[in-house]
Protein backbone atom coordinates (compact mmCIF):
# COMPACT_ATOMS: atom_id res chain seq x y z
CA MET A 1 4.07 -8.52 -13.28
CA PHE A 2 0.91 -8.64 -11.27
CA THR A 3 -2.50 -6.99 -11.00
CA GLY A 4 -3.07 -6.69 -7.24
CA LEU A 5 -5.90 -9.12 -7.26
CA VAL A 6 -5.27 -11.52 -4.40
CA SER A 7 -5.83 -15.19 -5.38
CA ASP A 8 -5.05 -16.90 -2.03
CA VAL A 9 -4.12 -16.30 1.54
CA GLY A 10 -0.95 -18.19 2.61
CA GLU A 11 0.59 -18.80 5.99
CA VAL A 12 4.26 -18.90 6.97
CA GLU A 13 4.91 -22.38 8.28
CA SER A 14 8.56 -21.74 9.12
CA ALA A 15 10.98 -18.88 9.02
CA GLU A 16 14.76 -19.31 9.13
CA ALA A 17 16.70 -16.13 9.75
CA GLY A 18 20.18 -15.82 8.30
CA ALA A 19 22.74 -13.01 8.35
CA LYS A 20 21.50 -11.42 5.08
CA LEU A 21 18.83 -13.84 3.93
CA ASN A 22 15.68 -15.31 5.41
CA HIS A 23 14.19 -18.56 4.13
CA LEU A 24 10.45 -18.94 4.48
CA ARG A 25 8.20 -21.87 3.82
CA ILE A 26 4.65 -20.67 3.00
CA ALA A 27 1.58 -22.89 2.97
CA CYS A 28 -0.95 -22.14 0.25
CA SER A 29 -3.95 -23.55 -1.63
CA TYR A 30 -2.33 -23.58 -5.10
CA PRO A 31 -2.24 -27.12 -6.61
CA VAL A 32 1.28 -28.39 -6.04
CA GLU A 33 1.55 -29.45 -9.74
CA THR A 34 1.14 -25.81 -10.75
CA ILE A 35 4.00 -24.52 -8.65
CA ALA A 36 7.46 -24.54 -10.21
CA PRO A 37 10.98 -23.45 -9.06
CA GLY A 38 11.78 -20.04 -10.41
CA ALA A 39 8.12 -18.92 -10.49
CA SER A 40 7.25 -15.49 -9.15
CA ILE A 41 4.66 -15.16 -6.38
CA ALA A 42 3.72 -11.83 -4.79
CA CYS A 43 3.57 -12.30 -0.99
CA SER A 44 1.76 -9.34 0.61
CA GLY A 45 3.43 -7.08 -1.91
CA PRO A 46 7.01 -8.17 -2.53
CA CYS A 47 7.60 -10.42 -5.58
CA LEU A 48 9.47 -13.53 -4.37
CA THR A 49 10.96 -16.42 -6.30
CA VAL A 50 9.96 -20.02 -5.58
CA VAL A 51 13.04 -22.08 -4.64
CA ALA A 52 11.27 -25.18 -3.43
CA TYR A 53 7.81 -26.67 -3.21
CA GLY A 54 5.84 -29.70 -1.97
CA GLU A 55 2.80 -30.89 -0.06
CA SER A 56 2.16 -31.16 3.68
CA GLY A 57 -1.08 -32.63 4.90
CA ASN A 58 -3.90 -31.22 2.74
CA ARG A 59 -2.01 -28.07 1.73
CA SER A 60 0.68 -27.21 -0.72
CA TRP A 61 3.74 -25.19 0.27
CA PHE A 62 6.53 -23.24 -1.46
CA GLY A 63 9.85 -21.94 -0.22
CA VAL A 64 11.31 -18.58 -0.84
CA ASP A 65 14.47 -16.69 0.00
CA VAL A 66 14.03 -13.07 1.20
CA GLY A 67 17.13 -10.94 0.68
CA ALA A 68 18.54 -8.04 2.65
CA GLU A 69 17.01 -5.30 0.38
CA THR A 70 13.50 -6.71 0.76
CA LEU A 71 13.90 -7.20 4.45
CA ALA A 72 15.02 -3.58 4.79
CA ARG A 73 12.30 -2.09 2.65
CA THR A 74 9.21 -4.17 3.52
CA THR A 75 7.34 -5.75 6.43
CA ALA A 76 8.95 -9.11 5.54
CA ARG A 77 11.41 -8.48 8.34
CA HIS A 78 8.56 -9.11 10.76
CA TRP A 79 7.16 -12.29 9.13
CA ARG A 80 7.22 -15.28 11.51
CA GLN A 81 5.56 -18.66 11.79
CA GLY A 82 1.79 -18.12 11.52
CA THR A 83 1.91 -14.78 9.64
CA ARG A 84 -0.76 -14.74 7.03
CA LEU A 85 0.12 -13.28 3.57
CA ASN A 86 -1.87 -12.13 0.57
CA LEU A 87 -0.69 -14.12 -2.43
CA GLU A 88 -0.86 -13.56 -6.15
CA ARG A 89 0.81 -15.50 -8.91
CA ALA A 90 2.51 -13.74 -11.79
CA LEU A 91 0.45 -12.83 -14.87
CA ARG A 92 0.54 -15.06 -17.84
CA LEU A 93 0.07 -13.89 -21.44
CA GLY A 94 -3.64 -13.50 -22.09
CA ASP A 95 -4.68 -13.12 -18.43
CA GLU A 96 -7.26 -10.42 -17.63
CA LEU A 97 -5.73 -7.20 -16.11
CA GLY A 98 -8.47 -6.66 -13.55
CA GLY A 99 -6.70 -4.43 -11.07
CA HIS A 100 -3.79 -2.25 -12.16
CA ILE A 101 -0.24 -2.90 -13.18
CA VAL A 102 1.79 -3.97 -10.08
CA THR A 103 5.45 -4.84 -10.23
CA GLY A 104 5.88 -6.51 -6.91
CA HIS A 105 8.68 -4.01 -6.10
CA VAL A 106 7.57 -2.47 -2.79
CA ASP A 107 8.52 1.21 -2.46
CA GLY A 108 8.22 1.51 1.29
CA VAL A 109 6.26 0.77 4.45
CA ALA A 110 3.13 2.80 5.34
CA GLU A 111 1.13 2.77 8.60
CA ILE A 112 -2.57 2.42 9.28
CA ALA A 113 -3.66 5.67 10.93
CA ALA A 114 -7.35 4.96 11.38
CA ILE A 115 -10.01 2.30 10.64
CA ALA A 116 -13.80 2.84 10.35
CA ASP A 117 -16.26 -0.07 9.76
CA PHE A 118 -19.74 0.53 8.33
CA ASP A 119 -22.24 -1.48 6.35
CA GLY A 120 -19.84 -4.51 6.12
CA MET A 121 -17.19 -2.30 4.60
CA ARG A 122 -14.04 -0.77 5.97
CA ARG A 123 -12.51 2.63 5.36
CA ILE A 124 -8.75 2.74 6.24
CA ASP A 125 -6.66 5.93 6.59
CA ILE A 126 -3.05 5.27 5.79
CA ARG A 127 0.04 7.42 6.48
CA ALA A 128 2.47 7.25 3.59
CA PRO A 129 6.26 7.87 3.92
CA ASN A 130 7.03 11.49 3.15
CA ASP A 131 9.04 10.67 0.05
CA LEU A 132 6.17 8.58 -1.45
CA ALA A 133 3.14 10.74 -0.53
CA ARG A 134 3.61 12.93 -3.73
CA PHE A 135 2.95 9.91 -5.92
CA ILE A 136 -0.54 9.21 -4.41
CA ALA A 137 -3.49 10.89 -5.94
CA GLU A 138 -7.26 10.85 -5.38
CA LYS A 139 -8.88 8.23 -7.64
CA GLY A 140 -5.48 6.82 -8.42
CA SER A 141 -4.34 3.29 -7.70
CA VAL A 142 -2.01 1.88 -5.00
CA ALA A 143 -0.98 -1.64 -4.04
CA LEU A 144 -1.18 -2.18 -0.26
CA ASP A 145 -0.01 -5.55 1.02
CA GLY A 146 -0.30 -6.73 -2.54
CA THR A 147 -3.89 -5.62 -2.95
CA SER A 148 -4.88 -3.19 -5.77
CA LEU A 149 -6.98 -0.38 -4.21
CA THR A 150 -8.33 2.94 -5.29
CA VAL A 151 -7.38 6.07 -3.39
CA ASN A 152 -10.60 7.85 -2.19
CA ARG A 153 -9.14 10.91 -0.45
CA VAL A 154 -5.72 12.50 0.03
CA GLU A 155 -4.72 15.06 2.67
CA ALA A 156 -0.99 15.75 3.15
CA ASP A 157 0.63 12.36 3.83
CA ILE A 158 -2.69 10.69 4.81
CA PHE A 159 -4.84 8.84 2.13
CA SER A 160 -7.90 6.63 2.49
CA VAL A 161 -9.07 3.52 0.76
CA LEU A 162 -12.38 1.60 0.96
CA LEU A 163 -12.52 -2.11 1.24
CA ILE A 164 -15.73 -3.95 0.24
CA PRO A 165 -16.87 -7.11 1.99
CA HIS A 166 -15.50 -9.42 -0.77
CA THR A 167 -11.99 -8.02 -0.36
CA LEU A 168 -12.18 -8.24 3.47
CA LYS A 169 -13.21 -11.91 3.12
CA ILE A 170 -10.53 -13.16 0.68
CA THR A 171 -7.52 -11.15 2.04
CA THR A 172 -5.84 -10.40 5.28
CA TRP A 173 -7.38 -6.96 5.44
CA GLY A 174 -10.07 -8.04 7.91
CA GLU A 175 -7.29 -8.71 10.41
CA ARG A 176 -5.61 -5.35 10.23
CA ARG A 177 -5.50 -2.95 13.08
CA ARG A 178 -4.61 0.68 13.69
CA GLY A 179 -0.85 1.07 13.88
CA ASP A 180 -0.09 -1.92 11.69
CA GLU A 181 2.61 -1.47 9.06
CA ILE A 182 1.77 -2.38 5.49
CA ASN A 183 3.70 -2.70 2.23
CA LEU A 184 3.13 0.20 -0.21
CA GLU A 185 3.82 0.19 -3.97
CA VAL A 186 2.79 3.36 -5.72
CA ASP A 187 1.36 3.27 -9.21
CA PRO A 188 4.30 2.89 -11.61
CA MET A 189 2.64 5.44 -13.95
CA ALA A 190 2.59 8.08 -11.23
CA ARG A 191 6.33 7.55 -10.68
CA TYR A 192 7.10 7.83 -14.45
CA ALA A 193 4.94 11.00 -14.77
CA ALA A 194 6.64 12.58 -11.78
CA ARG A 195 10.10 11.75 -13.24
CA LEU A 196 9.12 13.15 -16.66
CA ALA A 197 7.86 16.38 -15.06
CA GLU A 198 11.11 16.72 -13.19
CA THR A 199 13.09 16.22 -16.36
CA LEU A 200 11.04 18.77 -18.34
CA SER A 201 11.50 21.40 -15.61
CA GLN A 202 15.23 21.20 -15.63
């Protein structure tokens, strides 16, 4: 379980592609003694399991295996050496829930339709996949590339979010461009509400 509050930006040091599994080594700033095999780390959205860890130079690193389902449903299929990723470690009991409940189970890939910069901030219009657009509501929450954001406006399959200077500084969002693909996880509460409404209408 995560909150969508990015705690580090990692960088893919190496990517080994297999038939149904990619192995990545990701550099990070987490103290190596706090990384453990089996731990969950959200990497620009998808929750991935640490299978190895160590130190290289002045940075720590951890290894993850990315399976076929994740490669098919997320932007992980495009990650290569040098790709920068928003990182968040799994919640621990007693941690503050500062964003919203995020599972790390990406629902699909969205596309940046437009970007407008003003006063150090950035407004981004995003085109959601048709089957996910119904779960996105004005003033609701979404996780985009692992970042918890509030929906400002919705029109058909396009919705907008606003990024403040702090978010642009500590995440990869300052690097994003029109046409980029991003990982989208809808608010789990919206999905459950929609399912309940469908059940009651039957």
